[in-house]
Protein backbone atom coordinates (compact mmCIF):
# COMPACT_ATOMS: atom_id res chain seq x y z
CA UNK A 1 -30.31 -35.10 20.04
CA UNK A 2 -30.13 -32.98 16.92
CA UNK A 3 -31.80 -34.41 13.85
CA UNK A 4 -29.03 -33.14 11.56
CA UNK A 5 -26.93 -35.89 10.02
CA UNK A 6 -23.39 -36.02 8.67
CA UNK A 7 -21.83 -38.48 6.25
CA UNK A 8 -18.79 -40.53 7.22
CA UNK A 9 -16.74 -43.07 5.31
CA UNK A 10 -17.61 -46.74 5.27
CA UNK A 11 -15.01 -49.53 4.92
CA UNK A 12 -17.28 -51.32 2.45
CA UNK A 13 -16.87 -48.48 0.00
CA UNK A 14 -20.21 -46.79 0.65
CA UNK A 15 -21.10 -44.20 3.27
CA UNK A 16 -23.04 -44.16 6.48
CA UNK A 17 -25.12 -41.43 8.03
CA UNK A 18 -24.05 -40.57 11.57
CA UNK A 19 -26.23 -38.48 13.85
CA UNK A 20 -24.77 -35.26 15.15
CA UNK A 21 -23.69 -35.53 18.80
CA UNK A 22 -26.13 -34.20 21.38
CA UNK A 23 -23.75 -31.36 22.29
CA UNK A 24 -23.57 -29.99 18.73
CA UNK A 25 -26.37 -27.51 19.48
CA UNK A 26 -25.37 -26.67 23.04
CA UNK A 27 -24.34 -23.11 23.96
CA UNK A 28 -20.72 -22.61 25.00
CA UNK A 29 -21.45 -22.42 28.71
CA UNK A 30 -23.12 -25.82 28.71
CA UNK A 31 -20.55 -27.40 26.42
CA UNK A 32 -17.67 -26.21 28.61
CA UNK A 33 -18.91 -28.41 31.45
CA UNK A 34 -18.67 -31.57 29.33
CA UNK A 35 -15.78 -33.94 30.05
CA UNK A 36 -13.43 -34.43 27.13
CA UNK A 37 -13.80 -38.21 27.36
CA UNK A 38 -17.51 -37.81 26.56
CA UNK A 39 -17.03 -35.95 23.27
CA UNK A 40 -17.08 -39.16 21.22
CA UNK A 41 -15.45 -37.70 18.10
CA UNK A 42 -13.21 -39.48 15.62
CA UNK A 43 -10.67 -38.81 12.93
CA UNK A 44 -12.44 -41.11 10.50
CA UNK A 45 -15.16 -39.68 8.31
CA UNK A 46 -14.17 -36.01 8.53
CA UNK A 47 -11.74 -33.49 7.14
CA UNK A 48 -8.88 -34.87 9.24
CA UNK A 49 -9.07 -38.21 7.47
CA UNK A 50 -8.57 -36.49 4.13
CA UNK A 51 -5.67 -34.39 5.39
CA UNK A 52 -3.89 -37.43 6.78
CA UNK A 53 -4.38 -39.18 3.44
CA UNK A 54 -2.88 -36.12 1.77
CA UNK A 55 0.10 -36.29 4.13
CA UNK A 56 0.58 -39.98 3.30
CA UNK A 57 0.58 -39.02 -0.37
CA UNK A 58 3.32 -36.45 0.26
CA UNK A 59 5.38 -39.06 2.11
CA UNK A 60 4.99 -41.43 -0.81
CA UNK A 61 5.97 -38.71 -3.29
CA UNK A 62 9.05 -38.03 -1.15
CA UNK A 63 10.05 -41.67 -1.47
CA UNK A 64 9.40 -42.47 2.18
CA UNK A 65 7.86 -45.74 3.31
CA UNK A 66 7.22 -44.49 6.84
CA UNK A 67 3.63 -43.67 7.89
CA UNK A 68 2.91 -42.21 11.36
CA UNK A 69 -0.22 -43.24 13.23
CA UNK A 70 -2.70 -40.69 14.63
CA UNK A 71 -5.13 -40.21 17.49
CA UNK A 72 -7.16 -37.42 19.09
CA UNK A 73 -6.01 -35.71 22.29
CA UNK A 74 -6.15 -32.25 23.87
CA UNK A 75 -3.35 -30.70 21.78
CA UNK A 76 -0.81 -31.26 19.00
CA UNK A 77 2.15 -33.37 20.13
CA UNK A 78 4.39 -36.32 19.29
CA UNK A 79 5.47 -38.25 22.41
CA UNK A 80 9.11 -39.18 22.89
CA UNK A 81 9.97 -42.58 21.44
CA UNK A 82 6.60 -42.89 19.69
CA UNK A 83 6.37 -42.60 15.86
CA UNK A 84 2.83 -41.24 16.03
CA UNK A 85 1.00 -37.93 16.29
CA UNK A 86 -1.75 -36.58 18.55
CA UNK A 87 -4.21 -34.18 16.93
CA UNK A 88 -6.31 -31.74 18.99
CA UNK A 89 -9.93 -32.75 19.45
CA UNK A 90 -11.36 -29.47 18.17
CA UNK A 91 -10.34 -30.31 14.60
CA UNK A 92 -12.66 -33.33 14.63
CA UNK A 93 -15.94 -31.37 14.63
CA UNK A 94 -17.01 -27.87 13.50
CA UNK A 95 -18.79 -27.16 16.79
CA UNK A 96 -15.61 -27.84 18.74
CA UNK A 97 -13.65 -25.64 16.35
CA UNK A 98 -16.11 -22.81 17.06
CA UNK A 99 -15.62 -23.33 20.80
CA UNK A 100 -11.84 -23.19 20.34
CA UNK A 101 -12.26 -19.93 18.42
CA UNK A 102 -14.42 -18.38 21.12
CA UNK A 103 -12.01 -19.45 23.88
CA UNK A 104 -8.64 -18.82 22.20
CA UNK A 105 -9.60 -16.38 19.39
CA UNK A 106 -8.15 -18.66 16.70
CA UNK A 107 -8.14 -22.32 15.69
CA UNK A 108 -4.60 -23.65 15.39
CA UNK A 109 -4.52 -25.86 12.30
CA UNK A 110 -8.07 -24.84 11.44
CA UNK A 111 -7.49 -24.29 7.71
CA UNK A 112 -6.32 -27.01 5.30
CA UNK A 113 -3.01 -25.24 4.64
CA UNK A 114 -2.31 -24.56 8.33
CA UNK A 115 -3.21 -28.11 9.29
CA UNK A 116 -0.87 -29.57 6.66
CA UNK A 117 2.00 -27.39 7.86
CA UNK A 118 1.60 -28.71 11.40
CA UNK A 119 1.17 -32.30 10.19
CA UNK A 120 4.45 -32.08 8.27
CA UNK A 121 6.17 -30.65 11.33
CA UNK A 122 4.89 -33.37 13.64
CA UNK A 123 5.82 -36.01 11.06
CA UNK A 124 9.38 -34.71 11.38
CA UNK A 125 9.27 -35.60 15.08
CA UNK A 126 7.67 -38.97 14.35
CA UNK A 127 10.26 -40.03 11.76
CA UNK A 128 13.01 -38.84 14.10
CA UNK A 129 11.64 -41.24 16.72
CA UNK A 130 10.94 -44.05 14.26
CA UNK A 131 14.55 -44.33 13.06
CA UNK A 132 16.34 -43.17 16.23
CA UNK A 133 17.88 -40.34 14.21
CA UNK A 134 18.59 -38.21 17.28
CA UNK A 135 21.37 -40.63 18.22
CA UNK A 136 23.41 -39.84 15.11
CA UNK A 137 26.50 -37.73 15.65
CA UNK A 138 26.06 -35.61 12.51
CA UNK A 139 22.45 -34.91 13.47
CA UNK A 140 23.63 -33.73 16.90
CA UNK A 141 26.38 -31.58 15.36
CA UNK A 142 23.97 -29.76 13.04
CA UNK A 143 20.86 -29.49 15.20
CA UNK A 144 22.03 -30.02 18.77
CA UNK A 145 21.16 -32.74 21.25
CA UNK A 146 17.65 -33.89 22.05
CA UNK A 147 18.74 -34.18 25.66
CA UNK A 148 19.04 -30.38 25.91
CA UNK A 149 16.44 -29.09 28.40
CA UNK A 150 13.17 -28.30 26.66
CA UNK A 151 12.37 -24.65 27.42
CA UNK A 152 9.02 -23.36 28.52
CA UNK A 153 10.03 -20.08 26.90
CA UNK A 154 12.49 -19.05 24.21
CA UNK A 155 13.77 -15.82 22.71
CA UNK A 156 13.58 -15.88 18.91
CA UNK A 157 16.04 -14.11 16.62
CA UNK A 158 13.89 -13.08 13.65
CA UNK A 159 16.80 -12.32 11.33
CA UNK A 160 18.81 -15.50 11.90
CA UNK A 161 19.55 -17.50 8.76
CA UNK A 162 20.69 -20.56 10.67
CA UNK A 163 17.12 -21.88 10.89
CA UNK A 164 14.40 -22.60 8.35
CA UNK A 165 11.08 -20.76 8.41
CA UNK A 166 7.99 -22.95 8.45
CA UNK A 167 5.69 -22.47 11.45
CA UNK A 168 5.21 -19.00 12.92
CA UNK A 169 7.28 -17.33 15.65
CA UNK A 170 10.57 -18.76 14.36
CA UNK A 171 9.70 -22.03 16.02
CA UNK A 172 12.78 -23.89 14.79
CA UNK A 173 14.81 -21.80 17.24
CA UNK A 174 13.06 -23.13 20.34
CA UNK A 175 14.88 -26.50 20.69
CA UNK A 176 17.10 -28.85 18.62
CA UNK A 177 14.19 -31.26 18.11
CA UNK A 178 11.98 -28.45 16.81
CA UNK A 179 14.78 -27.36 14.49
CA UNK A 180 14.93 -30.91 13.11
CA UNK A 181 11.14 -31.17 12.70
CA UNK A 182 10.90 -27.78 11.01
CA UNK A 183 13.76 -28.64 8.66
CA UNK A 184 12.03 -31.92 7.75
CA UNK A 185 8.76 -30.07 7.08
CA UNK A 186 10.48 -27.62 4.72
CA UNK A 187 12.30 -30.49 3.02
CA UNK A 188 9.05 -32.43 2.43
CA UNK A 189 6.74 -29.52 1.56
CA UNK A 190 5.64 -29.78 -2.08
CA UNK A 191 7.14 -27.13 -4.32
CA UNK A 192 9.14 -25.63 -1.43
CA UNK A 193 12.19 -25.21 -3.69
CA UNK A 194 14.33 -25.22 -0.58
CA UNK A 195 17.65 -25.22 -2.44
CA UNK A 196 16.77 -21.86 -4.02
CA UNK A 197 14.92 -20.43 -1.03
CA UNK A 198 17.78 -21.07 1.41
CA UNK A 199 20.75 -20.58 -0.92
CA UNK A 200 23.52 -18.84 1.02
CA UNK A 201 21.89 -19.55 4.41
CA UNK A 202 23.68 -21.65 7.05
CA UNK A 203 20.33 -23.49 7.31
CA UNK A 204 20.98 -24.98 3.86
CA UNK A 205 23.49 -27.41 5.40
CA UNK A 206 20.71 -28.78 7.59
CA UNK A 207 18.41 -29.21 4.59
CA UNK A 208 21.10 -30.95 2.55
CA UNK A 209 21.77 -33.30 5.46
CA UNK A 210 18.02 -33.94 5.78
CA UNK A 211 17.93 -34.81 2.07
CA UNK A 212 20.76 -37.34 2.53
CA UNK A 213 19.15 -38.76 5.66
CA UNK A 214 15.74 -39.26 4.08
CA UNK A 215 17.27 -40.95 1.03
CA UNK A 216 18.99 -43.36 3.40
CA UNK A 217 15.84 -44.33 5.32
CA UNK A 218 13.45 -44.05 2.35
CA UNK A 219 12.70 -47.72 1.78
CA UNK A 220 13.41 -48.99 5.27
CA UNK A 221 11.03 -50.18 7.95
CA UNK A 222 11.09 -48.11 11.18
CA UNK A 223 13.26 -49.33 14.04
CA UNK A 224 10.61 -48.19 16.53
CA UNK A 225 7.14 -49.54 15.78
CA UNK A 226 5.23 -48.61 18.94
CA UNK A 227 1.56 -47.78 18.32
CA UNK A 228 1.12 -46.13 21.71
CA UNK A 229 -1.51 -43.39 21.86
CA UNK A 230 -0.69 -41.20 24.82
CA UNK A 231 -3.41 -39.08 26.46
CA UNK A 232 -6.11 -40.39 24.14
CA UNK A 233 -9.28 -38.32 24.21
CA UNK A 234 -11.45 -41.10 25.75
CA UNK A 235 -9.11 -41.14 28.76
CA UNK A 236 -9.15 -37.39 29.46
CA UNK A 237 -11.62 -36.73 32.26
CA UNK A 238 -11.09 -32.99 32.63
CA UNK A 239 -13.87 -30.74 31.47
CA UNK A 240 -13.51 -28.40 28.52
CA UNK A 241 -13.78 -25.51 30.97
CA UNK A 242 -10.73 -26.71 32.92
CA UNK A 243 -8.87 -27.41 29.68
CA UNK A 244 -9.34 -23.88 28.39
CA UNK A 245 -8.58 -22.27 31.72
CA UNK A 246 -5.20 -24.00 31.76
CA UNK A 247 -4.58 -23.26 28.10
CA UNK A 248 -5.24 -19.53 28.53
CA UNK A 249 -2.94 -19.46 31.55
CA UNK A 250 -0.22 -21.12 29.48
CA UNK A 251 -0.44 -18.52 26.74
CA UNK A 252 -0.91 -15.60 29.11
CA UNK A 253 1.39 -12.66 29.64
CA UNK A 254 3.85 -12.48 32.50
CA UNK A 255 5.51 -9.10 32.13
CA UNK A 256 4.48 -5.64 33.30
CA UNK A 257 3.09 -3.10 30.83
CA UNK A 258 4.81 0.17 30.10
CA UNK A 259 2.21 1.60 27.76
CA UNK A 260 1.54 5.01 29.31
CA UNK A 261 4.17 6.97 27.41
CA UNK A 262 3.17 5.54 24.01
CA UNK A 263 -0.56 5.84 24.68
CA UNK A 264 -0.19 9.50 25.65
CA UNK A 265 1.64 10.13 22.40
CA UNK A 266 -1.16 8.55 20.43
CA UNK A 267 -4.16 9.85 22.41
CA UNK A 268 -4.79 12.88 24.65
CA UNK A 269 -6.36 13.80 27.98
CA UNK A 270 -6.39 17.58 27.43
CA UNK A 271 -9.60 19.59 27.50
CA UNK A 272 -9.14 20.42 23.82
CA UNK A 273 -10.35 16.95 22.87
CA UNK A 274 -13.05 16.46 25.53
CA UNK A 275 -15.76 16.09 22.91
CA UNK A 276 -13.93 13.38 20.97
CA UNK A 277 -14.57 9.64 21.24
CA UNK A 278 -12.73 7.95 24.11
CA UNK A 279 -9.64 5.94 23.23
CA UNK A 280 -11.02 2.94 25.13
CA UNK A 281 -14.24 2.75 23.10
CA UNK A 282 -12.32 3.34 19.85
CA UNK A 283 -9.90 0.50 20.60
CA UNK A 284 -12.76 -1.82 21.49
CA UNK A 285 -14.31 -1.11 18.09
CA UNK A 286 -11.16 -1.87 16.08
CA UNK A 287 -9.92 -4.62 18.39
CA UNK A 288 -10.74 -7.70 16.31
CA UNK A 289 -9.34 -6.46 13.00
CA UNK A 290 -6.16 -5.02 14.48
CA UNK A 291 -5.55 -8.12 16.56
CA UNK A 292 -5.80 -10.35 13.49
CA UNK A 293 -3.54 -8.14 11.41
CA UNK A 294 -0.81 -7.97 14.06
CA UNK A 295 -1.06 -11.74 14.50
CA UNK A 296 -0.55 -12.23 10.77
CA UNK A 297 2.51 -9.98 10.80
CA UNK A 298 4.20 -11.32 13.92
CA UNK A 299 3.00 -14.92 14.06
CA UNK A 300 2.00 -14.44 17.69
CA UNK A 301 -1.14 -16.04 19.11
CA UNK A 302 -4.20 -13.80 18.87
CA UNK A 303 -5.00 -14.63 22.48
CA UNK A 304 -1.65 -13.20 23.64
CA UNK A 305 -2.10 -10.07 21.51
CA UNK A 306 -5.62 -9.65 22.84
CA UNK A 307 -4.28 -9.52 26.39
CA UNK A 308 -1.96 -6.69 25.40
CA UNK A 309 -4.97 -4.97 23.85
CA UNK A 310 -7.05 -5.49 26.98
CA UNK A 311 -4.33 -3.93 29.13
CA UNK A 312 -4.07 -0.96 26.78
CA UNK A 313 -7.83 -0.41 26.71
CA UNK A 314 -8.01 -0.49 30.49
CA UNK A 315 -5.10 1.91 30.77
CA UNK A 316 -6.71 4.32 28.29
CA UNK A 317 -9.84 4.24 30.44
CA UNK A 318 -7.86 4.96 33.62
CA UNK A 319 -5.98 7.84 31.97
CA UNK A 320 -9.20 9.22 30.44
CA UNK A 321 -7.61 9.40 26.98
CA UNK A 322 -9.45 10.49 23.83
CA UNK A 323 -8.73 10.58 20.13
CA UNK A 324 -6.64 13.56 19.06
CA UNK A 325 -6.37 12.68 15.34
CA UNK A 326 -8.70 11.20 12.73
CA UNK A 327 -9.89 7.64 13.31
CA UNK A 328 -8.04 6.38 10.23
CA UNK A 329 -4.78 7.88 11.45
CA UNK A 330 -5.35 6.61 14.98
CA UNK A 331 -6.02 3.09 13.69
CA UNK A 332 -2.83 3.10 11.63
CA UNK A 333 -0.71 4.49 14.47
CA UNK A 334 -2.17 2.10 17.01
CA UNK A 335 -1.56 -0.91 14.75
CA UNK A 336 2.11 0.07 14.60
CA UNK A 337 2.20 0.52 18.38
CA UNK A 338 0.60 -2.87 19.03
CA UNK A 339 3.04 -4.55 16.64
CA UNK A 340 5.98 -2.96 18.47
CA UNK A 341 4.63 -4.09 21.85
CA UNK A 342 4.14 -7.63 20.52
CA UNK A 343 7.69 -7.72 19.14
CA UNK A 344 8.95 -6.47 22.50
CA UNK A 345 7.22 -9.47 24.03
CA UNK A 346 8.86 -11.80 21.52
CA UNK A 347 12.26 -10.41 22.45
CA UNK A 348 11.61 -10.26 26.19
CA UNK A 349 12.89 -13.76 26.84
CA UNK A 350 9.42 -14.90 27.90
CA UNK A 351 8.04 -16.10 24.60
CA UNK A 352 6.07 -19.30 25.05
CA UNK A 353 6.81 -22.36 22.96
CA UNK A 354 3.85 -22.80 20.64
CA UNK A 355 3.35 -26.55 20.33
């Protein structure tokens, strides 16, 4: 057991010192074999508690009486007919966040701003459930029916003005319920200035309806008061290794690569450049920075982009390609190429729903 201590809140108004869990100092390989039910982490006493309090403050400022309940699970989700929100376990402890980063190359909701954006989105689902809003005819006319099949994949239209922009990858376009949750999140976001931001957009009608709807339910008690906590962390017996194996498979690629033509334009296999650095080693060196930049631009998961990169590096090795221009020029050109390939994936009809 590590001797390091961390402070957590105390109901009496003071604070208590909690020992770090035994696994806090374990290497990844050992930690991956731990069952999720044995993590023994909590929302209380950490950053998550403060972010939920912040969310409650935003709800109060919006005039809403509703407060969702929260619990830890293996991912972000709001179960059907439950006005509560599951938060992924890795946000409950820095060591678990580092493991998430090493396994998935990013930590979804890992910054205060990112976490609040997701919390607002999930609160949109929760309030939808709490007041049975999906049953309303006007809601169905504007957003579509909740009974529509929930896709495993969707094809976003980046230039559509019929949907708000809140989470990455044009997530509002994936399903009517996601459209509703995203619209709620934009409506509630402090200083979003949605009337100005979406002036002239068809999406403005959805925001205006959301404004009317929230004024109507503002001071009311929820119709659904279930406190169910589905897939609570203490009940999940799978190991972290199994969890991440399944998660990587979910966000994997399922389309063939057609990189050869573009790679040959960018690099060369002629004898003229035999003495130059290989394209494969060059791409390995710039991999992390380029991956992050393309993720920022496209909103795609870094893990997905990294798989495209891995395929390209392997193909460069097989084709024996080398740099034919300066490294700065090659980095710029390759960043453009990777962005194009990522956007092709987004438009391929096989884009995976994010949450």
